[in-house]
Amino acid sequence: MLFFAVQAFTLGAGTLEDIAAALQVGNARELAKHFDSNVDITVYNKEEMYSKTQAEMVIKDFFSKHSPVSFKVIHKGASSQGSEYAIGTLVTSSGSFRTYIYIKQKGSAYLVQEIRFEKD
């Protein structure tokens, strides 16, 4: 049984909801649509800066090893400078990951600057 919970966000509401939905189903391509030209990705304490294309491949590889079962936002916040973050739990076939998502407004769009997956 899949469990899906996405809460509304203030400024980047559609963006963070779309990101959460992509995490829920393990869709790296949909997630990458919201990436900035460079994205900081951390998996298991290994932090790297990737181009948008590379980042999509890294996330796709992560999802192939850890197939998502559910994603739930547990905390969110925003700054007056046009950035937002969400912290959630990604339950996968191989365990749970505390997931951090940081987005920033660039023009009229909100783009992912950083994603972290930390084993729970």
PDB file of N, CA and C in Angstrom:
ATOM      1  N   MET A   1       0.842  -1.186   0.000  1.00  0.00           N
ATOM      2  CA  MET A   1       0.000   0.000   0.000  1.00  0.00           C
ATOM      3  C   MET A   1       0.884   1.245   0.000  1.00  0.00           C
ATOM      4  N   LEU A   2       0.591   2.159  -0.866  1.00  0.00           N
ATOM      5  CA  LEU A   2       1.363   3.391  -0.952  1.00  0.00           C
ATOM      6  C   LEU A   2       0.730   4.469  -0.085  1.00  0.00           C
ATOM      7  N   PHE A   3       1.571   5.239   0.547  1.00  0.00           N
ATOM      8  CA  PHE A   3       1.101   6.349   1.360  1.00  0.00           C
ATOM      9  C   PHE A   3       1.682   7.611   0.765  1.00  0.00           C
ATOM     10  N   PHE A   4       0.859   8.617   0.549  1.00  0.00           N
ATOM     11  CA  PHE A   4       1.322   9.836  -0.097  1.00  0.00           C
ATOM     12  C   PHE A   4       0.789  11.039   0.645  1.00  0.00           C
ATOM     13  N   ALA A   5       1.698  11.888   1.085  1.00  0.00           N
ATOM     14  CA  ALA A   5       1.268  13.101   1.778  1.00  0.00           C
ATOM     15  C   ALA A   5       2.121  14.264   1.314  1.00  0.00           C
ATOM     16  N   VAL A   6       1.491  15.254   0.775  1.00  0.00           N
ATOM     17  CA  VAL A   6       2.186  16.464   0.345  1.00  0.00           C
ATOM     18  C   VAL A   6       1.429  17.640   0.934  1.00  0.00           C
ATOM     19  N   GLN A   7       2.156  18.506   1.592  1.00  0.00           N
ATOM     20  CA  GLN A   7       1.530  19.674   2.174  1.00  0.00           C
ATOM     21  C   GLN A   7       1.741  20.864   1.250  1.00  0.00           C
ATOM     22  N   ALA A   8       0.855  21.815   1.301  1.00  0.00           N
ATOM     23  CA  ALA A   8       0.978  23.017   0.482  1.00  0.00           C
ATOM     24  C   ALA A   8       2.090  23.904   1.021  1.00  0.00           C
ATOM     25  N   PHE A   9       2.781  24.554   0.118  1.00  0.00           N
ATOM     26  CA  PHE A   9       3.848  25.470   0.474  1.00  0.00           C
ATOM     27  C   PHE A   9       3.432  26.870   0.062  1.00  0.00           C
ATOM     28  N   THR A  10       4.099  27.856   0.587  1.00  0.00           N
ATOM     29  CA  THR A  10       3.694  29.233   0.341  1.00  0.00           C
ATOM     30  C   THR A  10       4.062  29.698  -1.060  1.00  0.00           C
ATOM     31  N   LEU A  11       5.287  30.050  -1.302  1.00  0.00           N
ATOM     32  CA  LEU A  11       5.683  30.649  -2.569  1.00  0.00           C
ATOM     33  C   LEU A  11       5.807  29.634  -3.700  1.00  0.00           C
ATOM     34  N   GLY A  12       6.566  28.581  -3.487  1.00  0.00           N
ATOM     35  CA  GLY A  12       6.807  27.589  -4.529  1.00  0.00           C
ATOM     36  C   GLY A  12       5.872  26.410  -4.425  1.00  0.00           C
ATOM     37  N   ALA A  13       4.609  26.676  -4.123  1.00  0.00           N
ATOM     38  CA  ALA A  13       3.655  25.611  -3.840  1.00  0.00           C
ATOM     39  C   ALA A  13       3.654  24.525  -4.904  1.00  0.00           C
ATOM     40  N   GLY A  14       3.425  24.885  -6.143  1.00  0.00           N
ATOM     41  CA  GLY A  14       3.380  23.891  -7.207  1.00  0.00           C
ATOM     42  C   GLY A  14       4.693  23.162  -7.355  1.00  0.00           C
ATOM     43  N   THR A  15       5.785  23.875  -7.263  1.00  0.00           N
ATOM     44  CA  THR A  15       7.104  23.273  -7.437  1.00  0.00           C
ATOM     45  C   THR A  15       7.379  22.218  -6.376  1.00  0.00           C
ATOM     46  N   LEU A  16       7.204  22.550  -5.114  1.00  0.00           N
ATOM     47  CA  LEU A  16       7.497  21.582  -4.065  1.00  0.00           C
ATOM     48  C   LEU A  16       6.513  20.420  -4.075  1.00  0.00           C
ATOM     49  N   GLU A  17       5.282  20.665  -4.446  1.00  0.00           N
ATOM     50  CA  GLU A  17       4.329  19.562  -4.578  1.00  0.00           C
ATOM     51  C   GLU A  17       4.736  18.635  -5.719  1.00  0.00           C
ATOM     52  N   ASP A  18       5.182  19.213  -6.837  1.00  0.00           N
ATOM     53  CA  ASP A  18       5.646  18.408  -7.970  1.00  0.00           C
ATOM     54  C   ASP A  18       6.894  17.603  -7.599  1.00  0.00           C
ATOM     55  N   ILE A  19       7.799  18.218  -6.847  1.00  0.00           N
ATOM     56  CA  ILE A  19       9.019  17.535  -6.402  1.00  0.00           C
ATOM     57  C   ILE A  19       8.651  16.370  -5.488  1.00  0.00           C
ATOM     58  N   ALA A  20       7.758  16.615  -4.547  1.00  0.00           N
ATOM     59  CA  ALA A  20       7.324  15.552  -3.635  1.00  0.00           C
ATOM     60  C   ALA A  20       6.653  14.416  -4.399  1.00  0.00           C
ATOM     61  N   ALA A  21       5.850  14.748  -5.392  1.00  0.00           N
ATOM     62  CA  ALA A  21       5.187  13.724  -6.197  1.00  0.00           C
ATOM     63  C   ALA A  21       6.206  12.893  -6.974  1.00  0.00           C
ATOM     64  N   ALA A  22       7.238  13.536  -7.512  1.00  0.00           N
ATOM     65  CA  ALA A  22       8.286  12.822  -8.248  1.00  0.00           C
ATOM     66  C   ALA A  22       9.079  11.910  -7.314  1.00  0.00           C
ATOM     67  N   LEU A  23       9.352  12.376  -6.101  1.00  0.00           N
ATOM     68  CA  LEU A  23      10.031  11.537  -5.108  1.00  0.00           C
ATOM     69  C   LEU A  23       9.171  10.330  -4.750  1.00  0.00           C
ATOM     70  N   GLN A  24       7.887  10.561  -4.589  1.00  0.00           N
ATOM     71  CA  GLN A  24       6.938   9.507  -4.209  1.00  0.00           C
ATOM     72  C   GLN A  24       6.994   8.328  -5.171  1.00  0.00           C
ATOM     73  N   VAL A  25       7.083   8.609  -6.456  1.00  0.00           N
ATOM     74  CA  VAL A  25       7.039   7.539  -7.461  1.00  0.00           C
ATOM     75  C   VAL A  25       8.417   7.201  -8.031  1.00  0.00           C
ATOM     76  N   GLY A  26       9.460   7.890  -7.565  1.00  0.00           N
ATOM     77  CA  GLY A  26      10.809   7.599  -8.037  1.00  0.00           C
ATOM     78  C   GLY A  26      11.050   8.012  -9.474  1.00  0.00           C
ATOM     79  N   ASN A  27      10.508   9.160  -9.861  1.00  0.00           N
ATOM     80  CA  ASN A  27      10.635   9.631 -11.236  1.00  0.00           C
ATOM     81  C   ASN A  27      11.733  10.704 -11.337  1.00  0.00           C
ATOM     82  N   ALA A  28      12.930  10.270 -11.696  1.00  0.00           N
ATOM     83  CA  ALA A  28      14.084  11.174 -11.779  1.00  0.00           C
ATOM     84  C   ALA A  28      13.893  12.231 -12.865  1.00  0.00           C
ATOM     85  N   ARG A  29      13.272  11.865 -13.962  1.00  0.00           N
ATOM     86  CA  ARG A  29      13.073  12.819 -15.065  1.00  0.00           C
ATOM     87  C   ARG A  29      12.174  13.969 -14.635  1.00  0.00           C
ATOM     88  N   GLU A  30      11.060  13.655 -13.956  1.00  0.00           N
ATOM     89  CA  GLU A  30      10.157  14.705 -13.474  1.00  0.00           C
ATOM     90  C   GLU A  30      10.837  15.565 -12.418  1.00  0.00           C
ATOM     91  N   LEU A  31      11.598  14.945 -11.551  1.00  0.00           N
ATOM     92  CA  LEU A  31      12.326  15.675 -10.521  1.00  0.00           C
ATOM     93  C   LEU A  31      13.329  16.635 -11.156  1.00  0.00           C
ATOM     94  N   ALA A  32      14.034  16.165 -12.180  1.00  0.00           N
ATOM     95  CA  ALA A  32      15.066  16.969 -12.841  1.00  0.00           C
ATOM     96  C   ALA A  32      14.501  18.196 -13.554  1.00  0.00           C
ATOM     97  N   LYS A  33      13.226  18.177 -13.886  1.00  0.00           N
ATOM     98  CA  LYS A  33      12.605  19.353 -14.507  1.00  0.00           C
ATOM     99  C   LYS A  33      12.683  20.571 -13.596  1.00  0.00           C
ATOM    100  N   HIS A  34      12.877  20.327 -12.304  1.00  0.00           N
ATOM    101  CA  HIS A  34      12.915  21.407 -11.315  1.00  0.00           C
ATOM    102  C   HIS A  34      14.332  21.727 -10.841  1.00  0.00           C
ATOM    103  N   PHE A  35      15.336  21.110 -11.471  1.00  0.00           N
ATOM    104  CA  PHE A  35      16.722  21.356 -11.080  1.00  0.00           C
ATOM    105  C   PHE A  35      17.235  22.657 -11.668  1.00  0.00           C
ATOM    106  N   ASP A  36      18.085  23.344 -10.910  1.00  0.00           N
ATOM    107  CA  ASP A  36      18.836  24.479 -11.441  1.00  0.00           C
ATOM    108  C   ASP A  36      19.914  23.904 -12.361  1.00  0.00           C
ATOM    109  N   SER A  37      20.714  24.743 -12.987  1.00  0.00           N
ATOM    110  CA  SER A  37      21.750  24.251 -13.899  1.00  0.00           C
ATOM    111  C   SER A  37      22.800  23.419 -13.175  1.00  0.00           C
ATOM    112  N   ASN A  38      23.002  23.668 -11.879  1.00  0.00           N
ATOM    113  CA  ASN A  38      23.874  22.860 -11.035  1.00  0.00           C
ATOM    114  C   ASN A  38      23.126  22.542  -9.750  1.00  0.00           C
ATOM    115  N   VAL A  39      23.267  21.297  -9.296  1.00  0.00           N
ATOM    116  CA  VAL A  39      22.545  20.838  -8.111  1.00  0.00           C
ATOM    117  C   VAL A  39      23.520  20.115  -7.188  1.00  0.00           C
ATOM    118  N   ASP A  40      23.436  20.440  -5.915  1.00  0.00           N
ATOM    119  CA  ASP A  40      24.242  19.780  -4.894  1.00  0.00           C
ATOM    120  C   ASP A  40      23.447  18.578  -4.387  1.00  0.00           C
ATOM    121  N   ILE A  41      24.010  17.375  -4.560  1.00  0.00           N
ATOM    122  CA  ILE A  41      23.328  16.158  -4.132  1.00  0.00           C
ATOM    123  C   ILE A  41      24.196  15.428  -3.112  1.00  0.00           C
ATOM    124  N   THR A  42      23.561  15.044  -2.014  1.00  0.00           N
ATOM    125  CA  THR A  42      24.249  14.268  -0.984  1.00  0.00           C
ATOM    126  C   THR A  42      23.515  12.952  -0.804  1.00  0.00           C
ATOM    127  N   VAL A  43      24.256  11.857  -0.923  1.00  0.00           N
ATOM    128  CA  VAL A  43      23.740  10.520  -0.665  1.00  0.00           C
ATOM    129  C   VAL A  43      24.743   9.833   0.250  1.00  0.00           C
ATOM    130  N   TYR A  44      24.276   9.356   1.403  1.00  0.00           N
ATOM    131  CA  TYR A  44      25.161   8.672   2.367  1.00  0.00           C
ATOM    132  C   TYR A  44      26.379   9.517   2.724  1.00  0.00           C
ATOM    133  N   ASN A  45      26.211  10.766   2.990  1.00  0.00           N
ATOM    134  CA  ASN A  45      27.300  11.678   3.375  1.00  0.00           C
ATOM    135  C   ASN A  45      28.290  11.968   2.255  1.00  0.00           C
ATOM    136  N   LYS A  46      28.019  11.522   1.037  1.00  0.00           N
ATOM    137  CA  LYS A  46      28.871  11.857  -0.111  1.00  0.00           C
ATOM    138  C   LYS A  46      28.204  13.016  -0.839  1.00  0.00           C
ATOM    139  N   GLU A  47      28.818  14.179  -0.744  1.00  0.00           N
ATOM    140  CA  GLU A  47      28.252  15.393  -1.320  1.00  0.00           C
ATOM    141  C   GLU A  47      29.011  15.772  -2.586  1.00  0.00           C
ATOM    142  N   GLU A  48      28.272  16.027  -3.654  1.00  0.00           N
ATOM    143  CA  GLU A  48      28.866  16.433  -4.931  1.00  0.00           C
ATOM    144  C   GLU A  48      27.965  17.463  -5.609  1.00  0.00           C
ATOM    145  N   MET A  49      28.581  18.334  -6.373  1.00  0.00           N
ATOM    146  CA  MET A  49      27.853  19.281  -7.209  1.00  0.00           C
ATOM    147  C   MET A  49      27.792  18.675  -8.607  1.00  0.00           C
ATOM    148  N   TYR A  50      26.597  18.616  -9.179  1.00  0.00           N
ATOM    149  CA  TYR A  50      26.390  18.014 -10.491  1.00  0.00           C
ATOM    150  C   TYR A  50      25.683  18.992 -11.420  1.00  0.00           C
ATOM    151  N   SER A  51      25.931  18.840 -12.713  1.00  0.00           N
ATOM    152  CA  SER A  51      25.131  19.564 -13.695  1.00  0.00           C
ATOM    153  C   SER A  51      23.727  18.979 -13.656  1.00  0.00           C
ATOM    154  N   LYS A  52      22.791  19.671 -14.237  1.00  0.00           N
ATOM    155  CA  LYS A  52      21.397  19.219 -14.252  1.00  0.00           C
ATOM    156  C   LYS A  52      21.279  17.807 -14.829  1.00  0.00           C
ATOM    157  N   THR A  53      21.975  17.557 -15.940  1.00  0.00           N
ATOM    158  CA  THR A  53      21.930  16.247 -16.598  1.00  0.00           C
ATOM    159  C   THR A  53      22.563  15.169 -15.730  1.00  0.00           C
ATOM    160  N   GLN A  54      23.722  15.471 -15.152  1.00  0.00           N
ATOM    161  CA  GLN A  54      24.392  14.510 -14.271  1.00  0.00           C
ATOM    162  C   GLN A  54      23.538  14.226 -13.039  1.00  0.00           C
ATOM    163  N   ALA A  55      22.943  15.269 -12.492  1.00  0.00           N
ATOM    164  CA  ALA A  55      22.121  15.117 -11.292  1.00  0.00           C
ATOM    165  C   ALA A  55      20.943  14.179 -11.554  1.00  0.00           C
ATOM    166  N   GLU A  56      20.332  14.301 -12.714  1.00  0.00           N
ATOM    167  CA  GLU A  56      19.231  13.404 -13.064  1.00  0.00           C
ATOM    168  C   GLU A  56      19.711  11.957 -13.071  1.00  0.00           C
ATOM    169  N   MET A  57      20.898  11.709 -13.613  1.00  0.00           N
ATOM    170  CA  MET A  57      21.443  10.349 -13.664  1.00  0.00           C
ATOM    171  C   MET A  57      21.752   9.820 -12.260  1.00  0.00           C
ATOM    172  N   VAL A  58      22.277  10.683 -11.390  1.00  0.00           N
ATOM    173  CA  VAL A  58      22.577  10.289 -10.008  1.00  0.00           C
ATOM    174  C   VAL A  58      21.289   9.910  -9.279  1.00  0.00           C
ATOM    175  N   ILE A  59      20.250  10.718  -9.449  1.00  0.00           N
ATOM    176  CA  ILE A  59      18.965  10.435  -8.802  1.00  0.00           C
ATOM    177  C   ILE A  59      18.348   9.156  -9.376  1.00  0.00           C
ATOM    178  N   LYS A  60      18.440   8.979 -10.681  1.00  0.00           N
ATOM    179  CA  LYS A  60      17.912   7.765 -11.312  1.00  0.00           C
ATOM    180  C   LYS A  60      18.609   6.527 -10.751  1.00  0.00           C
ATOM    181  N   ASP A  61      19.918   6.614 -10.586  1.00  0.00           N
ATOM    182  CA  ASP A  61      20.685   5.508 -10.017  1.00  0.00           C
ATOM    183  C   ASP A  61      20.258   5.248  -8.563  1.00  0.00           C
ATOM    184  N   PHE A  62      20.075   6.321  -7.802  1.00  0.00           N
ATOM    185  CA  PHE A  62      19.631   6.191  -6.416  1.00  0.00           C
ATOM    186  C   PHE A  62      18.283   5.470  -6.364  1.00  0.00           C
ATOM    187  N   PHE A  63      17.337   5.886  -7.209  1.00  0.00           N
ATOM    188  CA  PHE A  63      16.012   5.271  -7.234  1.00  0.00           C
ATOM    189  C   PHE A  63      16.075   3.808  -7.679  1.00  0.00           C
ATOM    190  N   SER A  64      17.017   3.473  -8.553  1.00  0.00           N
ATOM    191  CA  SER A  64      17.124   2.072  -8.996  1.00  0.00           C
ATOM    192  C   SER A  64      17.614   1.172  -7.864  1.00  0.00           C
ATOM    193  N   LYS A  65      18.398   1.732  -6.956  1.00  0.00           N
ATOM    194  CA  LYS A  65      18.907   0.965  -5.808  1.00  0.00           C
ATOM    195  C   LYS A  65      17.965   1.025  -4.610  1.00  0.00           C
ATOM    196  N   HIS A  66      17.181   2.078  -4.543  1.00  0.00           N
ATOM    197  CA  HIS A  66      16.277   2.319  -3.415  1.00  0.00           C
ATOM    198  C   HIS A  66      14.910   2.729  -3.970  1.00  0.00           C
ATOM    199  N   SER A  67      14.142   1.765  -4.366  1.00  0.00           N
ATOM    200  CA  SER A  67      12.847   2.029  -4.996  1.00  0.00           C
ATOM    201  C   SER A  67      11.875   2.680  -4.006  1.00  0.00           C
ATOM    202  N   PRO A  68      11.401   3.895  -4.310  1.00  0.00           N
ATOM    203  CA  PRO A  68      10.501   4.591  -3.386  1.00  0.00           C
ATOM    204  C   PRO A  68       9.168   3.868  -3.167  1.00  0.00           C
ATOM    205  N   VAL A  69       8.738   3.887  -1.916  1.00  0.00           N
ATOM    206  CA  VAL A  69       7.449   3.330  -1.522  1.00  0.00           C
ATOM    207  C   VAL A  69       6.514   4.460  -1.104  1.00  0.00           C
ATOM    208  N   SER A  70       7.058   5.443  -0.360  1.00  0.00           N
ATOM    209  CA  SER A  70       6.257   6.589   0.051  1.00  0.00           C
ATOM    210  C   SER A  70       7.176   7.764   0.366  1.00  0.00           C
ATOM    211  N   PHE A  71       6.597   8.955   0.343  1.00  0.00           N
ATOM    212  CA  PHE A  71       7.318  10.163   0.730  1.00  0.00           C
ATOM    213  C   PHE A  71       6.350  11.050   1.490  1.00  0.00           C
ATOM    214  N   LYS A  72       6.790  11.531   2.644  1.00  0.00           N
ATOM    215  CA  LYS A  72       5.947  12.395   3.461  1.00  0.00           C
ATOM    216  C   LYS A  72       6.756  13.602   3.933  1.00  0.00           C
ATOM    217  N   VAL A  73       6.245  14.792   3.691  1.00  0.00           N
ATOM    218  CA  VAL A  73       6.861  16.019   4.187  1.00  0.00           C
ATOM    219  C   VAL A  73       6.570  16.114   5.677  1.00  0.00           C
ATOM    220  N   ILE A  74       7.626  16.342   6.480  1.00  0.00           N
ATOM    221  CA  ILE A  74       7.423  16.467   7.920  1.00  0.00           C
ATOM    222  C   ILE A  74       7.704  17.872   8.438  1.00  0.00           C
ATOM    223  N   HIS A  75       8.407  18.671   7.636  1.00  0.00           N
ATOM    224  CA  HIS A  75       8.687  20.053   8.037  1.00  0.00           C
ATOM    225  C   HIS A  75       8.979  20.864   6.786  1.00  0.00           C
ATOM    226  N   LYS A  76       8.619  22.138   6.822  1.00  0.00           N
ATOM    227  CA  LYS A  76       8.882  23.025   5.687  1.00  0.00           C
ATOM    228  C   LYS A  76       9.118  24.427   6.201  1.00  0.00           C
ATOM    229  N   GLY A  77       9.748  25.231   5.379  1.00  0.00           N
ATOM    230  CA  GLY A  77       9.999  26.608   5.762  1.00  0.00           C
ATOM    231  C   GLY A  77      10.351  27.446   4.556  1.00  0.00           C
ATOM    232  N   ALA A  78      10.416  28.761   4.774  1.00  0.00           N
ATOM    233  CA  ALA A  78      10.713  29.702   3.692  1.00  0.00           C
ATOM    234  C   ALA A  78      11.464  30.892   4.260  1.00  0.00           C
ATOM    235  N   SER A  79      12.223  31.557   3.374  1.00  0.00           N
ATOM    236  CA  SER A  79      12.906  32.786   3.771  1.00  0.00           C
ATOM    237  C   SER A  79      12.333  33.943   2.969  1.00  0.00           C
ATOM    238  N   SER A  80      12.588  35.132   3.433  1.00  0.00           N
ATOM    239  CA  SER A  80      12.107  36.315   2.711  1.00  0.00           C
ATOM    240  C   SER A  80      12.928  36.585   1.455  1.00  0.00           C
ATOM    241  N   GLN A  81      14.029  35.862   1.261  1.00  0.00           N
ATOM    242  CA  GLN A  81      14.879  36.036   0.078  1.00  0.00           C
ATOM    243  C   GLN A  81      14.480  35.124  -1.083  1.00  0.00           C
ATOM    244  N   GLY A  82      13.323  34.471  -1.000  1.00  0.00           N
ATOM    245  CA  GLY A  82      12.844  33.663  -2.115  1.00  0.00           C
ATOM    246  C   GLY A  82      13.336  32.234  -2.115  1.00  0.00           C
ATOM    247  N   SER A  83      13.705  31.688  -0.971  1.00  0.00           N
ATOM    248  CA  SER A  83      14.094  30.285  -0.916  1.00  0.00           C
ATOM    249  C   SER A  83      13.151  29.533   0.025  1.00  0.00           C
ATOM    250  N   GLU A  84      13.026  28.249  -0.218  1.00  0.00           N
ATOM    251  CA  GLU A  84      12.188  27.391   0.600  1.00  0.00           C
ATOM    252  C   GLU A  84      12.891  26.064   0.791  1.00  0.00           C
ATOM    253  N   TYR A  85      12.480  25.349   1.824  1.00  0.00           N
ATOM    254  CA  TYR A  85      13.024  24.019   2.037  1.00  0.00           C
ATOM    255  C   TYR A  85      11.927  23.114   2.557  1.00  0.00           C
ATOM    256  N   ALA A  86      12.142  21.837   2.361  1.00  0.00           N
ATOM    257  CA  ALA A  86      11.244  20.830   2.917  1.00  0.00           C
ATOM    258  C   ALA A  86      12.108  19.693   3.423  1.00  0.00           C
ATOM    259  N   ILE A  87      11.691  19.125   4.528  1.00  0.00           N
ATOM    260  CA  ILE A  87      12.338  17.951   5.091  1.00  0.00           C
ATOM    261  C   ILE A  87      11.273  16.874   5.152  1.00  0.00           C
ATOM    262  N   GLY A  88      11.614  15.709   4.643  1.00  0.00           N
ATOM    263  CA  GLY A  88      10.637  14.641   4.627  1.00  0.00           C
ATOM    264  C   GLY A  88      11.278  13.289   4.835  1.00  0.00           C
ATOM    265  N   THR A  89      10.441  12.278   4.858  1.00  0.00           N
ATOM    266  CA  THR A  89      10.901  10.903   4.971  1.00  0.00           C
ATOM    267  C   THR A  89      10.546  10.164   3.696  1.00  0.00           C
ATOM    268  N   LEU A  90      11.579   9.642   3.044  1.00  0.00           N
ATOM    269  CA  LEU A  90      11.406   8.819   1.857  1.00  0.00           C
ATOM    270  C   LEU A  90      11.567   7.369   2.284  1.00  0.00           C
ATOM    271  N   VAL A  91      10.479   6.619   2.229  1.00  0.00           N
ATOM    272  CA  VAL A  91      10.535   5.197   2.539  1.00  0.00           C
ATOM    273  C   VAL A  91      10.781   4.466   1.235  1.00  0.00           C
ATOM    274  N   THR A  92      11.813   3.610   1.237  1.00  0.00           N
ATOM    275  CA  THR A  92      12.182   2.876   0.026  1.00  0.00           C
ATOM    276  C   THR A  92      12.187   1.377   0.306  1.00  0.00           C
ATOM    277  N   SER A  93      12.430   0.621  -0.742  1.00  0.00           N
ATOM    278  CA  SER A  93      12.503  -0.838  -0.619  1.00  0.00           C
ATOM    279  C   SER A  93      13.676  -1.273   0.249  1.00  0.00           C
ATOM    280  N   SER A  94      14.629  -0.370   0.470  1.00  0.00           N
ATOM    281  CA  SER A  94      15.815  -0.729   1.261  1.00  0.00           C
ATOM    282  C   SER A  94      15.944   0.102   2.534  1.00  0.00           C
ATOM    283  N   GLY A  95      14.852   0.716   2.962  1.00  0.00           N
ATOM    284  CA  GLY A  95      14.880   1.488   4.201  1.00  0.00           C
ATOM    285  C   GLY A  95      14.419   2.915   4.006  1.00  0.00           C
ATOM    286  N   SER A  96      14.464   3.679   5.096  1.00  0.00           N
ATOM    287  CA  SER A  96      13.994   5.068   5.080  1.00  0.00           C
ATOM    288  C   SER A  96      15.160   6.039   4.992  1.00  0.00           C
ATOM    289  N   PHE A  97      14.900   7.165   4.329  1.00  0.00           N
ATOM    290  CA  PHE A  97      15.889   8.224   4.181  1.00  0.00           C
ATOM    291  C   PHE A  97      15.269   9.552   4.598  1.00  0.00           C
ATOM    292  N   ARG A  98      15.958  10.255   5.463  1.00  0.00           N
ATOM    293  CA  ARG A  98      15.581  11.642   5.766  1.00  0.00           C
ATOM    294  C   ARG A  98      15.985  12.417   4.509  1.00  0.00           C
ATOM    295  N   THR A  99      15.056  13.163   3.946  1.00  0.00           N
ATOM    296  CA  THR A  99      15.287  13.850   2.678  1.00  0.00           C
ATOM    297  C   THR A  99      15.133  15.354   2.864  1.00  0.00           C
ATOM    298  N   TYR A 100      16.146  16.095   2.436  1.00  0.00           N
ATOM    299  CA  TYR A 100      16.151  17.553   2.518  1.00  0.00           C
ATOM    300  C   TYR A 100      16.112  18.108   1.099  1.00  0.00           C
ATOM    301  N   ILE A 101      15.225  19.047   0.866  1.00  0.00           N
ATOM    302  CA  ILE A 101      15.096  19.683  -0.446  1.00  0.00           C
ATOM    303  C   ILE A 101      15.181  21.189  -0.231  1.00  0.00           C
ATOM    304  N   TYR A 102      16.074  21.832  -0.965  1.00  0.00           N
ATOM    305  CA  TYR A 102      16.227  23.285  -0.877  1.00  0.00           C
ATOM    306  C   TYR A 102      15.999  23.863  -2.263  1.00  0.00           C
ATOM    307  N   ILE A 103      15.021  24.770  -2.385  1.00  0.00           N
ATOM    308  CA  ILE A 103      14.756  25.418  -3.671  1.00  0.00           C
ATOM    309  C   ILE A 103      14.907  26.922  -3.513  1.00  0.00           C
ATOM    310  N   LYS A 104      15.202  27.565  -4.641  1.00  0.00           N
ATOM    311  CA  LYS A 104      15.379  29.013  -4.636  1.00  0.00           C
ATOM    312  C   LYS A 104      14.703  29.596  -5.867  1.00  0.00           C
ATOM    313  N   GLN A 105      14.134  30.780  -5.676  1.00  0.00           N
ATOM    314  CA  GLN A 105      13.475  31.452  -6.785  1.00  0.00           C
ATOM    315  C   GLN A 105      14.519  32.026  -7.737  1.00  0.00           C
ATOM    316  N   LYS A 106      14.363  31.698  -9.027  1.00  0.00           N
ATOM    317  CA  LYS A 106      15.213  32.227 -10.095  1.00  0.00           C
ATOM    318  C   LYS A 106      14.269  32.778 -11.153  1.00  0.00           C
ATOM    319  N   GLY A 107      14.112  34.100 -11.194  1.00  0.00           N
ATOM    320  CA  GLY A 107      13.114  34.693 -12.071  1.00  0.00           C
ATOM    321  C   GLY A 107      11.741  34.314 -11.555  1.00  0.00           C
ATOM    322  N   SER A 108      10.925  33.720 -12.425  1.00  0.00           N
ATOM    323  CA  SER A 108       9.580  33.326 -12.007  1.00  0.00           C
ATOM    324  C   SER A 108       9.510  31.859 -11.579  1.00  0.00           C
ATOM    325  N   ALA A 109      10.634  31.151 -11.695  1.00  0.00           N
ATOM    326  CA  ALA A 109      10.645  29.720 -11.365  1.00  0.00           C
ATOM    327  C   ALA A 109      11.327  29.461 -10.026  1.00  0.00           C
ATOM    328  N   TYR A 110      10.959  28.351  -9.411  1.00  0.00           N
ATOM    329  CA  TYR A 110      11.628  27.864  -8.206  1.00  0.00           C
ATOM    330  C   TYR A 110      12.417  26.629  -8.603  1.00  0.00           C
ATOM    331  N   LEU A 111      13.724  26.656  -8.374  1.00  0.00           N
ATOM    332  CA  LEU A 111      14.589  25.580  -8.836  1.00  0.00           C
ATOM    333  C   LEU A 111      15.332  24.931  -7.676  1.00  0.00           C
ATOM    334  N   VAL A 112      15.496  23.617  -7.783  1.00  0.00           N
ATOM    335  CA  VAL A 112      16.201  22.854  -6.757  1.00  0.00           C
ATOM    336  C   VAL A 112      17.678  23.221  -6.773  1.00  0.00           C
ATOM    337  N   GLN A 113      18.176  23.592  -5.606  1.00  0.00           N
ATOM    338  CA  GLN A 113      19.593  23.882  -5.423  1.00  0.00           C
ATOM    339  C   GLN A 113      20.313  22.711  -4.766  1.00  0.00           C
ATOM    340  N   GLU A 114      19.576  22.001  -3.897  1.00  0.00           N
ATOM    341  CA  GLU A 114      20.191  20.923  -3.120  1.00  0.00           C
ATOM    342  C   GLU A 114      19.162  19.866  -2.745  1.00  0.00           C
ATOM    343  N   ILE A 115      19.609  18.618  -2.803  1.00  0.00           N
ATOM    344  CA  ILE A 115      18.826  17.481  -2.301  1.00  0.00           C
ATOM    345  C   ILE A 115      19.785  16.609  -1.505  1.00  0.00           C
ATOM    346  N   ARG A 116      19.335  16.203  -0.319  1.00  0.00           N
ATOM    347  CA  ARG A 116      20.137  15.290   0.512  1.00  0.00           C
ATOM    348  C   ARG A 116      19.292  14.093   0.922  1.00  0.00           C
ATOM    349  N   PHE A 117      19.897  12.917   0.821  1.00  0.00           N
ATOM    350  CA  PHE A 117      19.283  11.682   1.286  1.00  0.00           C
ATOM    351  C   PHE A 117      20.183  11.110   2.373  1.00  0.00           C
ATOM    352  N   GLU A 118      19.671  11.089   3.594  1.00  0.00           N
ATOM    353  CA  GLU A 118      20.431  10.560   4.724  1.00  0.00           C
ATOM    354  C   GLU A 118      19.690   9.358   5.297  1.00  0.00           C
ATOM    355  N   LYS A 119      20.394   8.246   5.438  1.00  0.00           N
ATOM    356  CA  LYS A 119      19.780   7.035   5.968  1.00  0.00           C
ATOM    357  C   LYS A 119      19.210   7.278   7.350  1.00  0.00           C
ATOM    358  N   ASP A 120      17.945   6.915   7.559  1.00  0.00           N
ATOM    359  CA  ASP A 120      17.294   7.047   8.868  1.00  0.00           C
ATOM    360  C   ASP A 120      17.782   5.983   9.820  1.00  0.00           C
TER     361      ASP A 120
END
